[in-house]
N, C-alpha and C. Protein backbone atom coordinates (compact mmCIF):
# COMPACT_ATOMS: atom_id res chain seq x y z
N MET A 1 175.70 116.39 40.19
CA MET A 1 175.62 117.57 41.04
C MET A 1 175.44 117.14 42.49
N TYR A 2 176.04 117.90 43.39
CA TYR A 2 175.98 117.56 44.81
C TYR A 2 174.86 118.34 45.48
N TYR A 3 174.01 117.63 46.22
CA TYR A 3 172.92 118.23 46.97
C TYR A 3 173.08 117.86 48.44
N SER A 4 172.77 118.81 49.32
CA SER A 4 172.94 118.55 50.74
C SER A 4 172.03 119.47 51.56
N ILE A 5 171.62 119.00 52.74
CA ILE A 5 171.03 119.93 53.69
C ILE A 5 172.10 120.96 54.03
N GLN A 6 171.68 122.13 54.42
CA GLN A 6 172.63 123.24 54.55
C GLN A 6 173.39 123.26 55.87
N HIS A 7 172.88 122.55 56.87
CA HIS A 7 173.49 122.63 58.20
C HIS A 7 173.76 121.22 58.73
N THR A 8 174.66 120.52 58.07
CA THR A 8 174.95 119.14 58.47
C THR A 8 175.54 119.08 59.88
N GLY A 9 176.14 120.16 60.35
CA GLY A 9 176.68 120.17 61.70
C GLY A 9 175.64 119.93 62.78
N LEU A 10 174.36 120.21 62.46
CA LEU A 10 173.31 119.96 63.43
C LEU A 10 173.16 118.47 63.73
N LEU A 11 173.66 117.63 62.85
CA LEU A 11 173.58 116.19 63.09
C LEU A 11 174.76 115.66 63.89
N THR A 12 175.70 116.52 64.23
CA THR A 12 176.80 116.11 65.11
C THR A 12 176.29 116.21 66.54
N ILE A 13 175.98 115.07 67.12
CA ILE A 13 175.31 115.03 68.42
C ILE A 13 176.34 114.65 69.50
N PRO A 14 176.62 115.55 70.43
CA PRO A 14 177.60 115.24 71.47
C PRO A 14 177.01 114.37 72.57
N ASP A 15 177.86 113.46 73.05
CA ASP A 15 177.54 112.64 74.21
C ASP A 15 178.64 112.87 75.23
N HIS A 16 178.40 113.76 76.17
CA HIS A 16 179.44 114.15 77.11
C HIS A 16 179.75 113.05 78.11
N THR A 17 178.80 112.16 78.35
CA THR A 17 179.04 111.05 79.27
C THR A 17 180.08 110.10 78.72
N GLU A 18 179.97 109.78 77.43
CA GLU A 18 180.91 108.85 76.80
C GLU A 18 182.03 109.57 76.07
N ASN A 19 181.99 110.91 76.08
CA ASN A 19 183.02 111.72 75.42
C ASN A 19 183.18 111.33 73.96
N LYS A 20 182.06 111.31 73.24
CA LYS A 20 182.08 110.98 71.82
C LYS A 20 180.96 111.75 71.13
N THR A 21 180.95 111.67 69.82
CA THR A 21 179.89 112.31 69.05
C THR A 21 179.27 111.28 68.11
N TYR A 22 178.02 111.55 67.76
CA TYR A 22 177.28 110.71 66.82
C TYR A 22 176.86 111.55 65.62
N PHE A 23 176.60 110.87 64.51
CA PHE A 23 176.01 111.55 63.35
C PHE A 23 174.52 111.22 63.35
N GLY A 24 173.77 112.08 64.03
CA GLY A 24 172.37 111.80 64.22
C GLY A 24 172.15 110.84 65.38
N PRO A 25 170.89 110.56 65.72
CA PRO A 25 170.58 109.72 66.86
C PRO A 25 170.72 108.23 66.56
N ASP A 26 170.70 107.44 67.62
CA ASP A 26 170.84 105.99 67.53
C ASP A 26 169.70 105.37 68.32
N GLN A 27 168.98 104.44 67.73
CA GLN A 27 167.87 103.81 68.44
C GLN A 27 168.35 103.00 69.64
N ALA A 28 169.61 102.65 69.69
CA ALA A 28 170.15 101.93 70.85
C ALA A 28 170.15 102.79 72.10
N TRP A 29 169.96 104.11 71.95
CA TRP A 29 169.87 104.97 73.13
C TRP A 29 168.62 104.69 73.95
N PHE A 30 167.56 104.20 73.32
CA PHE A 30 166.33 103.91 74.06
C PHE A 30 166.64 102.94 75.19
N GLN A 31 166.11 103.22 76.37
CA GLN A 31 166.33 102.34 77.51
C GLN A 31 165.39 101.15 77.50
N ASP A 32 164.24 101.30 76.87
CA ASP A 32 163.29 100.21 76.73
C ASP A 32 163.72 99.29 75.58
N ARG A 33 163.73 97.99 75.81
CA ARG A 33 164.23 97.03 74.81
C ARG A 33 163.42 97.07 73.51
N TRP A 34 162.09 97.12 73.62
CA TRP A 34 161.27 97.15 72.43
C TRP A 34 161.54 98.41 71.61
N ARG A 35 161.65 99.53 72.29
CA ARG A 35 161.94 100.77 71.57
C ARG A 35 163.31 100.71 70.89
N ALA A 36 164.28 100.13 71.56
CA ALA A 36 165.62 100.00 70.97
C ALA A 36 165.61 99.08 69.76
N ASP A 37 164.79 98.05 69.79
CA ASP A 37 164.74 97.10 68.68
C ASP A 37 163.93 97.63 67.50
N ALA A 38 162.85 98.36 67.78
CA ALA A 38 161.89 98.71 66.73
C ALA A 38 161.82 100.20 66.45
N GLY A 39 162.71 100.99 67.05
CA GLY A 39 162.53 102.44 67.03
C GLY A 39 163.17 103.21 65.91
N CYS A 40 163.57 102.56 64.82
CA CYS A 40 164.26 103.30 63.76
C CYS A 40 163.36 104.34 63.10
N GLY A 41 162.06 104.06 62.98
CA GLY A 41 161.15 105.04 62.38
C GLY A 41 161.04 106.32 63.19
N PRO A 42 160.68 106.21 64.48
CA PRO A 42 160.64 107.43 65.29
C PRO A 42 161.98 108.12 65.44
N VAL A 43 163.08 107.37 65.38
CA VAL A 43 164.40 108.00 65.44
C VAL A 43 164.63 108.87 64.21
N SER A 44 164.31 108.34 63.03
CA SER A 44 164.44 109.14 61.81
C SER A 44 163.54 110.37 61.88
N ALA A 45 162.30 110.18 62.32
CA ALA A 45 161.38 111.32 62.44
C ALA A 45 161.91 112.35 63.42
N SER A 46 162.54 111.89 64.50
CA SER A 46 162.99 112.82 65.53
C SER A 46 164.07 113.76 65.01
N ILE A 47 165.03 113.26 64.23
CA ILE A 47 166.09 114.13 63.76
C ILE A 47 165.59 115.05 62.65
N ILE A 48 164.61 114.59 61.86
CA ILE A 48 164.03 115.48 60.85
C ILE A 48 163.29 116.63 61.51
N MET A 49 162.51 116.33 62.55
CA MET A 49 161.80 117.39 63.27
C MET A 49 162.79 118.35 63.94
N ALA A 50 163.84 117.81 64.54
CA ALA A 50 164.84 118.66 65.18
C ALA A 50 165.51 119.57 64.15
N TYR A 51 165.84 119.01 62.99
CA TYR A 51 166.51 119.81 61.96
C TYR A 51 165.60 120.94 61.48
N LEU A 52 164.34 120.63 61.22
CA LEU A 52 163.42 121.68 60.79
C LEU A 52 163.27 122.75 61.85
N ALA A 53 163.26 122.33 63.11
CA ALA A 53 163.09 123.29 64.21
C ALA A 53 164.25 124.26 64.31
N PHE A 54 165.47 123.77 64.11
CA PHE A 54 166.64 124.62 64.29
C PHE A 54 167.02 125.41 63.04
N THR A 55 166.41 125.11 61.91
CA THR A 55 166.74 125.84 60.68
C THR A 55 165.63 126.77 60.21
N ARG A 56 164.47 126.69 60.86
CA ARG A 56 163.34 127.53 60.48
C ARG A 56 162.69 128.07 61.75
N PRO A 57 162.90 129.33 62.05
CA PRO A 57 162.40 129.89 63.32
C PRO A 57 160.91 129.64 63.54
N GLN A 58 160.12 129.66 62.46
CA GLN A 58 158.68 129.47 62.62
C GLN A 58 158.32 128.04 63.00
N LEU A 59 159.30 127.13 62.90
CA LEU A 59 159.05 125.72 63.23
C LEU A 59 159.77 125.30 64.52
N ARG A 60 160.25 126.27 65.29
CA ARG A 60 161.07 125.95 66.46
C ARG A 60 160.36 125.04 67.45
N SER A 61 159.04 125.11 67.53
CA SER A 61 158.30 124.28 68.50
C SER A 61 158.31 122.80 68.14
N LEU A 62 158.84 122.44 66.98
CA LEU A 62 158.93 121.02 66.63
C LEU A 62 159.97 120.28 67.47
N TYR A 63 160.83 121.03 68.16
CA TYR A 63 161.82 120.41 69.05
C TYR A 63 161.74 121.14 70.39
N VAL A 64 161.20 120.46 71.38
CA VAL A 64 160.94 121.11 72.66
C VAL A 64 162.21 121.33 73.48
N PRO A 65 163.14 120.35 73.56
CA PRO A 65 164.34 120.58 74.38
C PRO A 65 165.17 121.75 73.87
N GLY A 66 166.08 122.20 74.71
CA GLY A 66 166.85 123.38 74.35
C GLY A 66 168.06 123.11 73.48
N THR A 67 168.65 121.94 73.60
CA THR A 67 169.90 121.67 72.89
C THR A 67 169.83 120.33 72.16
N LEU A 68 170.76 120.16 71.23
CA LEU A 68 170.85 118.90 70.49
C LEU A 68 172.02 118.07 71.05
N ASN A 69 171.88 117.63 72.29
CA ASN A 69 172.84 116.66 72.82
C ASN A 69 172.10 115.34 73.05
N ARG A 70 172.84 114.30 73.45
CA ARG A 70 172.21 112.99 73.56
C ARG A 70 171.04 112.95 74.54
N PRO A 71 171.15 113.45 75.77
CA PRO A 71 170.01 113.35 76.69
C PRO A 71 168.77 114.09 76.18
N ASP A 72 168.96 115.29 75.64
CA ASP A 72 167.81 116.05 75.15
C ASP A 72 167.20 115.40 73.92
N LEU A 73 168.05 114.92 73.01
CA LEU A 73 167.53 114.28 71.81
C LEU A 73 166.83 112.98 72.15
N LEU A 74 167.30 112.27 73.17
CA LEU A 74 166.62 111.04 73.60
C LEU A 74 165.22 111.36 74.13
N ARG A 75 165.08 112.44 74.87
CA ARG A 75 163.75 112.84 75.33
C ARG A 75 162.83 113.11 74.14
N HIS A 76 163.37 113.77 73.15
CA HIS A 76 162.62 114.07 71.92
C HIS A 76 162.26 112.77 71.19
N MET A 77 163.18 111.82 71.13
CA MET A 77 162.92 110.53 70.50
C MET A 77 161.76 109.81 71.18
N ASN A 78 161.76 109.82 72.50
CA ASN A 78 160.68 109.16 73.24
C ASN A 78 159.34 109.82 72.98
N THR A 79 159.34 111.15 72.82
CA THR A 79 158.10 111.83 72.47
C THR A 79 157.62 111.42 71.09
N LEU A 80 158.52 111.40 70.10
CA LEU A 80 158.13 111.01 68.75
C LEU A 80 157.64 109.57 68.69
N PHE A 81 158.18 108.72 69.56
CA PHE A 81 157.76 107.32 69.58
C PHE A 81 156.27 107.20 69.86
N GLU A 82 155.71 108.15 70.62
CA GLU A 82 154.29 108.10 70.94
C GLU A 82 153.41 108.45 69.74
N PHE A 83 153.99 109.05 68.72
CA PHE A 83 153.25 109.43 67.51
C PHE A 83 153.59 108.52 66.34
N VAL A 84 154.88 108.27 66.12
CA VAL A 84 155.33 107.35 65.08
C VAL A 84 155.61 106.03 65.79
N THR A 85 154.54 105.28 66.04
CA THR A 85 154.60 104.13 66.94
C THR A 85 154.69 102.82 66.15
N PRO A 86 155.75 102.06 66.34
CA PRO A 86 155.86 100.78 65.63
C PRO A 86 154.81 99.78 66.10
N GLY A 87 154.27 99.03 65.17
CA GLY A 87 153.44 97.89 65.50
C GLY A 87 154.28 96.62 65.52
N LYS A 88 153.63 95.47 65.41
CA LYS A 88 154.37 94.21 65.45
C LYS A 88 155.38 94.10 64.31
N MET A 89 155.08 94.76 63.21
CA MET A 89 155.97 94.74 62.04
C MET A 89 156.79 96.02 61.94
N GLY A 90 156.84 96.80 63.03
CA GLY A 90 157.58 98.05 63.01
C GLY A 90 156.80 99.15 62.31
N VAL A 91 157.51 100.19 61.89
CA VAL A 91 156.91 101.25 61.06
C VAL A 91 157.18 100.85 59.62
N ASN A 92 156.38 99.91 59.13
CA ASN A 92 156.66 99.27 57.86
C ASN A 92 155.88 99.83 56.69
N LYS A 93 155.15 100.93 56.92
CA LYS A 93 154.41 101.58 55.86
C LYS A 93 154.61 103.09 55.97
N ILE A 94 154.75 103.74 54.83
CA ILE A 94 154.97 105.18 54.81
C ILE A 94 153.88 105.95 55.56
N PRO A 95 152.59 105.62 55.41
CA PRO A 95 151.57 106.40 56.10
C PRO A 95 151.69 106.37 57.62
N ILE A 96 152.19 105.28 58.21
CA ILE A 96 152.38 105.26 59.66
C ILE A 96 153.34 106.38 60.06
N TYR A 97 154.38 106.55 59.26
CA TYR A 97 155.40 107.56 59.51
C TYR A 97 154.86 108.97 59.27
N THR A 98 154.25 109.18 58.10
CA THR A 98 153.82 110.53 57.75
C THR A 98 152.67 111.00 58.63
N GLU A 99 151.70 110.12 58.89
CA GLU A 99 150.57 110.52 59.72
C GLU A 99 151.02 110.80 61.15
N GLY A 100 151.98 110.01 61.65
CA GLY A 100 152.49 110.25 62.99
C GLY A 100 153.21 111.58 63.09
N VAL A 101 154.04 111.89 62.12
CA VAL A 101 154.77 113.15 62.13
C VAL A 101 153.82 114.34 62.01
N VAL A 102 152.86 114.25 61.11
CA VAL A 102 151.90 115.34 60.94
C VAL A 102 151.10 115.56 62.23
N SER A 103 150.73 114.46 62.90
CA SER A 103 150.00 114.58 64.17
C SER A 103 150.86 115.20 65.25
N TYR A 104 152.12 114.78 65.32
CA TYR A 104 153.03 115.38 66.30
C TYR A 104 153.16 116.88 66.05
N ALA A 105 153.39 117.27 64.81
CA ALA A 105 153.55 118.68 64.48
C ALA A 105 152.30 119.47 64.83
N ALA A 106 151.13 118.89 64.59
CA ALA A 106 149.88 119.59 64.87
C ALA A 106 149.74 119.89 66.37
N VAL A 107 150.19 118.96 67.21
CA VAL A 107 150.16 119.19 68.65
C VAL A 107 151.04 120.37 69.02
N GLN A 108 152.11 120.56 68.26
CA GLN A 108 153.02 121.69 68.51
C GLN A 108 152.56 122.98 67.81
N GLY A 109 151.38 122.92 67.19
CA GLY A 109 150.84 124.10 66.53
C GLY A 109 151.40 124.34 65.13
N ILE A 110 151.95 123.29 64.52
CA ILE A 110 152.58 123.41 63.20
C ILE A 110 151.86 122.51 62.20
N ALA A 111 151.58 123.03 61.02
CA ALA A 111 150.99 122.23 59.94
C ALA A 111 152.10 121.85 58.95
N LEU A 112 152.37 120.56 58.84
CA LEU A 112 153.38 120.06 57.91
C LEU A 112 152.73 119.29 56.78
N GLU A 113 153.37 119.37 55.62
CA GLU A 113 152.91 118.63 54.44
C GLU A 113 153.97 117.62 54.03
N PRO A 114 153.66 116.32 54.04
CA PRO A 114 154.65 115.33 53.61
C PRO A 114 154.74 115.28 52.08
N ARG A 115 155.95 115.15 51.61
CA ARG A 115 156.20 114.86 50.19
C ARG A 115 156.74 113.43 50.12
N VAL A 116 156.10 112.58 49.34
CA VAL A 116 156.37 111.14 49.39
C VAL A 116 156.74 110.60 48.02
N PHE A 117 157.74 109.73 48.00
CA PHE A 117 158.06 108.94 46.82
C PHE A 117 157.85 107.48 47.20
N ASP A 118 156.75 106.91 46.72
CA ASP A 118 156.42 105.52 47.05
C ASP A 118 157.18 104.56 46.15
N VAL A 119 157.63 103.47 46.75
CA VAL A 119 158.26 102.38 46.01
C VAL A 119 157.40 101.13 46.24
N SER A 120 156.84 100.61 45.18
CA SER A 120 155.96 99.45 45.31
C SER A 120 156.77 98.16 45.29
N ALA A 121 156.17 97.09 45.79
CA ALA A 121 156.83 95.78 45.76
C ALA A 121 157.02 95.34 44.31
N ASN A 122 158.11 94.65 44.06
CA ASN A 122 158.44 94.21 42.70
C ASN A 122 159.13 92.84 42.83
N LEU A 123 158.33 91.81 42.97
CA LEU A 123 158.86 90.50 43.36
C LEU A 123 159.54 89.75 42.23
N PHE A 124 159.22 90.06 40.99
CA PHE A 124 159.62 89.15 39.91
C PHE A 124 160.58 89.73 38.88
N ARG A 125 160.83 91.04 38.90
CA ARG A 125 161.77 91.56 37.91
C ARG A 125 162.46 92.81 38.43
N LYS A 126 163.61 93.09 37.87
CA LYS A 126 164.39 94.26 38.26
C LYS A 126 163.76 95.53 37.68
N ARG A 127 163.78 96.59 38.47
CA ARG A 127 163.32 97.89 37.98
C ARG A 127 164.40 98.56 37.14
N GLU A 128 163.96 99.49 36.31
CA GLU A 128 164.89 100.36 35.61
C GLU A 128 165.25 101.54 36.51
N PRO A 129 166.44 102.13 36.36
CA PRO A 129 166.78 103.32 37.15
C PRO A 129 165.74 104.41 36.95
N SER A 130 165.47 105.15 38.01
CA SER A 130 164.37 106.13 37.99
C SER A 130 164.88 107.55 38.04
N GLN A 131 164.58 108.31 37.00
CA GLN A 131 164.88 109.74 37.02
C GLN A 131 164.00 110.46 38.03
N ALA A 132 162.76 109.98 38.19
CA ALA A 132 161.86 110.59 39.16
C ALA A 132 162.41 110.48 40.58
N LEU A 133 163.05 109.37 40.90
CA LEU A 133 163.67 109.21 42.21
C LEU A 133 164.79 110.22 42.39
N ALA A 134 165.64 110.35 41.38
CA ALA A 134 166.73 111.32 41.45
C ALA A 134 166.18 112.74 41.63
N ASP A 135 165.13 113.06 40.90
CA ASP A 135 164.54 114.40 41.00
C ASP A 135 163.93 114.62 42.39
N PHE A 136 163.34 113.59 42.97
CA PHE A 136 162.74 113.71 44.30
C PHE A 136 163.82 114.01 45.34
N VAL A 137 164.91 113.28 45.30
CA VAL A 137 165.99 113.50 46.26
C VAL A 137 166.57 114.90 46.09
N ALA A 138 166.78 115.32 44.85
CA ALA A 138 167.30 116.66 44.59
C ALA A 138 166.35 117.73 45.12
N ALA A 139 165.06 117.52 44.95
CA ALA A 139 164.08 118.51 45.42
C ALA A 139 164.06 118.58 46.94
N GLY A 140 164.11 117.44 47.61
CA GLY A 140 164.09 117.43 49.07
C GLY A 140 165.32 118.08 49.67
N LEU A 141 166.48 117.64 49.25
CA LEU A 141 167.72 118.21 49.78
C LEU A 141 167.87 119.66 49.34
N GLY A 142 167.42 119.97 48.12
CA GLY A 142 167.47 121.35 47.64
C GLY A 142 166.57 122.28 48.43
N SER A 143 165.57 121.71 49.10
CA SER A 143 164.69 122.49 49.98
C SER A 143 165.21 122.52 51.41
N ASP A 144 166.41 122.03 51.62
CA ASP A 144 167.04 121.96 52.94
C ASP A 144 166.23 121.09 53.90
N CYS A 145 165.82 119.92 53.40
CA CYS A 145 165.04 118.99 54.20
C CYS A 145 165.72 117.62 54.21
N PRO A 146 166.03 117.07 55.37
CA PRO A 146 166.47 115.67 55.42
C PRO A 146 165.35 114.77 54.92
N ILE A 147 165.72 113.61 54.39
CA ILE A 147 164.75 112.71 53.76
C ILE A 147 164.75 111.37 54.49
N GLY A 148 163.59 110.97 55.01
CA GLY A 148 163.47 109.64 55.60
C GLY A 148 163.37 108.60 54.50
N LEU A 149 164.06 107.48 54.69
CA LEU A 149 164.06 106.38 53.71
C LEU A 149 163.66 105.10 54.41
N LEU A 150 162.59 104.46 53.92
CA LEU A 150 162.15 103.17 54.42
C LEU A 150 162.68 102.07 53.51
N VAL A 151 163.50 101.18 54.07
CA VAL A 151 164.07 100.05 53.35
C VAL A 151 163.52 98.77 53.97
N LEU A 152 162.63 98.08 53.28
CA LEU A 152 162.17 96.79 53.78
C LEU A 152 163.07 95.67 53.29
N SER A 153 163.48 95.76 52.04
CA SER A 153 164.48 94.84 51.49
C SER A 153 165.62 95.67 50.89
N ARG A 154 166.85 95.38 51.29
CA ARG A 154 167.98 96.17 50.80
C ARG A 154 168.38 95.82 49.38
N GLY A 155 167.80 94.78 48.80
CA GLY A 155 168.20 94.36 47.46
C GLY A 155 169.67 94.00 47.42
N LYS A 156 170.38 94.51 46.42
CA LYS A 156 171.81 94.23 46.27
C LYS A 156 172.69 95.28 46.94
N GLU A 157 172.08 96.27 47.59
CA GLU A 157 172.86 97.30 48.29
C GLU A 157 173.13 96.83 49.72
N THR A 158 174.26 96.16 49.91
CA THR A 158 174.55 95.50 51.19
C THR A 158 174.93 96.48 52.31
N ARG A 159 175.12 97.76 51.97
CA ARG A 159 175.42 98.74 53.01
C ARG A 159 174.16 99.20 53.73
N LEU A 160 173.00 98.78 53.24
CA LEU A 160 171.74 99.07 53.91
C LEU A 160 171.29 97.87 54.74
N GLN A 161 170.38 98.13 55.67
CA GLN A 161 169.79 97.07 56.48
C GLN A 161 168.36 96.80 56.00
N ASN A 162 167.92 95.57 56.13
CA ASN A 162 166.53 95.23 55.85
C ASN A 162 165.64 95.75 56.97
N TRP A 163 164.40 96.11 56.59
CA TRP A 163 163.34 96.50 57.53
C TRP A 163 163.84 97.63 58.44
N HIS A 164 164.17 98.76 57.83
CA HIS A 164 164.89 99.80 58.56
C HIS A 164 164.59 101.17 57.97
N TRP A 165 164.59 102.19 58.84
CA TRP A 165 164.51 103.60 58.44
C TRP A 165 165.86 104.27 58.66
N ILE A 166 166.30 105.07 57.70
CA ILE A 166 167.46 105.93 57.85
C ILE A 166 167.10 107.32 57.34
N THR A 167 168.03 108.28 57.46
CA THR A 167 167.73 109.66 57.10
C THR A 167 168.81 110.19 56.16
N ILE A 168 168.43 110.46 54.91
CA ILE A 168 169.36 110.96 53.90
C ILE A 168 169.65 112.43 54.13
N THR A 169 170.94 112.79 54.11
CA THR A 169 171.35 114.18 54.37
C THR A 169 172.05 114.82 53.18
N SER A 170 172.57 114.04 52.25
CA SER A 170 173.23 114.60 51.07
C SER A 170 173.30 113.52 50.00
N ALA A 171 173.57 113.94 48.77
CA ALA A 171 173.66 112.98 47.66
C ALA A 171 174.40 113.60 46.49
N GLU A 172 175.16 112.78 45.80
CA GLU A 172 175.77 113.14 44.52
C GLU A 172 174.89 112.53 43.45
N ILE A 173 174.27 113.40 42.63
CA ILE A 173 173.32 112.95 41.62
C ILE A 173 173.83 113.32 40.24
N ASN A 174 173.98 112.31 39.40
CA ASN A 174 174.39 112.51 38.00
C ASN A 174 173.46 111.68 37.13
N GLY A 175 172.54 112.37 36.44
CA GLY A 175 171.52 111.63 35.70
C GLY A 175 170.66 110.85 36.67
N THR A 176 170.59 109.54 36.47
CA THR A 176 169.83 108.70 37.40
C THR A 176 170.70 108.14 38.52
N SER A 177 172.00 108.34 38.46
CA SER A 177 172.90 107.85 39.51
C SER A 177 172.73 108.66 40.79
N ILE A 178 172.58 107.96 41.92
CA ILE A 178 172.38 108.65 43.21
C ILE A 178 173.26 107.98 44.26
N LYS A 179 174.37 108.61 44.60
CA LYS A 179 175.21 108.14 45.71
C LYS A 179 174.84 108.99 46.93
N ALA A 180 174.21 108.37 47.90
CA ALA A 180 173.62 109.10 49.01
C ALA A 180 174.40 108.90 50.30
N ASN A 181 174.32 109.90 51.17
CA ASN A 181 174.86 109.82 52.53
C ASN A 181 173.68 109.94 53.50
N ALA A 182 173.76 109.19 54.60
CA ALA A 182 172.63 109.17 55.52
C ALA A 182 173.09 108.95 56.95
N SER A 183 172.24 109.38 57.87
CA SER A 183 172.39 109.07 59.28
C SER A 183 171.73 107.72 59.54
N ASP A 184 172.51 106.79 60.09
CA ASP A 184 172.01 105.44 60.36
C ASP A 184 172.60 104.97 61.68
N GLU A 185 171.75 104.91 62.71
CA GLU A 185 172.15 104.44 64.04
C GLU A 185 173.36 105.21 64.58
N GLY A 186 173.32 106.51 64.42
CA GLY A 186 174.37 107.37 64.95
C GLY A 186 175.62 107.46 64.11
N ASN A 187 175.62 106.83 62.94
CA ASN A 187 176.78 106.86 62.04
C ASN A 187 176.38 107.43 60.69
N GLU A 188 177.36 107.94 59.96
CA GLU A 188 177.12 108.37 58.58
C GLU A 188 177.51 107.23 57.66
N ILE A 189 176.57 106.86 56.77
CA ILE A 189 176.85 105.82 55.80
C ILE A 189 176.71 106.40 54.40
N THR A 190 177.37 105.78 53.44
CA THR A 190 177.28 106.14 52.03
C THR A 190 176.82 104.91 51.26
N PHE A 191 175.87 105.08 50.36
CA PHE A 191 175.32 103.93 49.65
C PHE A 191 174.76 104.37 48.30
N ASP A 192 174.46 103.38 47.46
CA ASP A 192 173.93 103.62 46.12
C ASP A 192 172.40 103.50 46.19
N LEU A 193 171.73 104.64 46.23
CA LEU A 193 170.27 104.63 46.37
C LEU A 193 169.60 104.02 45.14
N GLN A 194 170.15 104.29 43.97
CA GLN A 194 169.54 103.74 42.76
C GLN A 194 169.72 102.21 42.70
N LEU A 195 170.83 101.70 43.21
CA LEU A 195 171.01 100.25 43.27
C LEU A 195 169.95 99.63 44.17
N TRP A 196 169.69 100.27 45.31
CA TRP A 196 168.61 99.77 46.15
C TRP A 196 167.30 99.78 45.39
N TYR A 197 166.97 100.90 44.77
CA TYR A 197 165.69 101.03 44.09
C TYR A 197 165.51 99.98 43.00
N THR A 198 166.55 99.73 42.23
CA THR A 198 166.41 98.82 41.09
C THR A 198 166.42 97.35 41.50
N THR A 199 166.86 97.04 42.71
CA THR A 199 166.99 95.62 43.08
C THR A 199 166.14 95.20 44.27
N THR A 200 165.56 96.15 45.01
CA THR A 200 164.70 95.76 46.12
C THR A 200 163.44 95.09 45.59
N ASN A 201 162.97 94.05 46.29
CA ASN A 201 161.76 93.37 45.83
C ASN A 201 160.54 93.66 46.71
N LEU A 202 160.74 94.46 47.76
CA LEU A 202 159.64 94.82 48.63
C LEU A 202 159.35 96.32 48.51
N SER A 203 158.26 96.73 49.11
CA SER A 203 157.89 98.14 49.05
C SER A 203 158.77 98.96 49.98
N GLY A 204 158.62 100.26 49.91
CA GLY A 204 159.41 101.19 50.73
C GLY A 204 159.11 102.59 50.25
N GLY A 205 160.04 103.50 50.48
CA GLY A 205 159.82 104.84 49.97
C GLY A 205 160.62 105.89 50.69
N LEU A 206 160.45 107.12 50.24
CA LEU A 206 161.15 108.27 50.77
C LEU A 206 160.14 109.35 51.12
N VAL A 207 160.48 110.15 52.13
CA VAL A 207 159.56 111.21 52.55
C VAL A 207 160.34 112.37 53.17
N TYR A 208 159.91 113.59 52.85
CA TYR A 208 160.37 114.77 53.58
C TYR A 208 159.18 115.66 53.85
N PHE A 209 159.40 116.67 54.68
CA PHE A 209 158.28 117.49 55.14
C PHE A 209 158.57 118.96 54.91
N LEU A 210 157.54 119.68 54.48
CA LEU A 210 157.60 121.13 54.32
C LEU A 210 156.46 121.78 55.09
N PRO A 211 156.62 123.03 55.53
CA PRO A 211 155.50 123.72 56.15
C PRO A 211 154.32 123.81 55.17
N LYS A 212 153.15 123.53 55.67
CA LYS A 212 151.96 123.59 54.81
C LYS A 212 151.61 125.04 54.51
N ALA A 213 151.36 125.30 53.24
CA ALA A 213 151.04 126.67 52.84
C ALA A 213 149.72 127.12 53.47
N ALA A 214 149.65 128.38 53.85
CA ALA A 214 148.45 128.92 54.48
C ALA A 214 147.26 128.77 53.53
N GLY A 215 146.13 128.34 54.09
CA GLY A 215 144.91 128.21 53.31
C GLY A 215 144.79 126.91 52.55
N VAL A 216 145.83 126.03 52.65
CA VAL A 216 145.78 124.77 51.90
C VAL A 216 145.15 123.71 52.79
């Protein structure tokens, strides 16, 4: 079955200076060298916040600029960098990402709840395909939420990068098979998420965000 966020066109980001379009933001847009090298986490967080803002009126304050073009999205990326801030090892743990996003949202007057699928390190043997992983991706995309993916080791899925965050926007799921599409450095990539899961030997995980229920 095919699952997708409902408004993929929001990820078509125009760059009028270069007369081109991107599929989501690119960390190379950062003018600061360190941010360009280490900024994949805040970049992923920035497009997720922008998507939630433009698809849910009650969450509009999650994206302060008026439009989704390169200059405005870059300003938003720089703001998110102050909350989802890479250390010497980057944003290499899920809590750095989730706590930063929740803190950013709180400043904007929004309470967000992260939904997380943790992947633990597995140095010595291959994992079995996970139905729980397939169900998590289906639930996130089915809720119209882009999904951040932390890949520390790409395993045998060579279309992924090591030590990197990307943002899943759609997936074809059949049983435990998950062929996913994602925004990665301004491009759309397609990869086998279950192949990554079964062959990666380091930790990682997936996360999406929903508005926190009142009174919780």
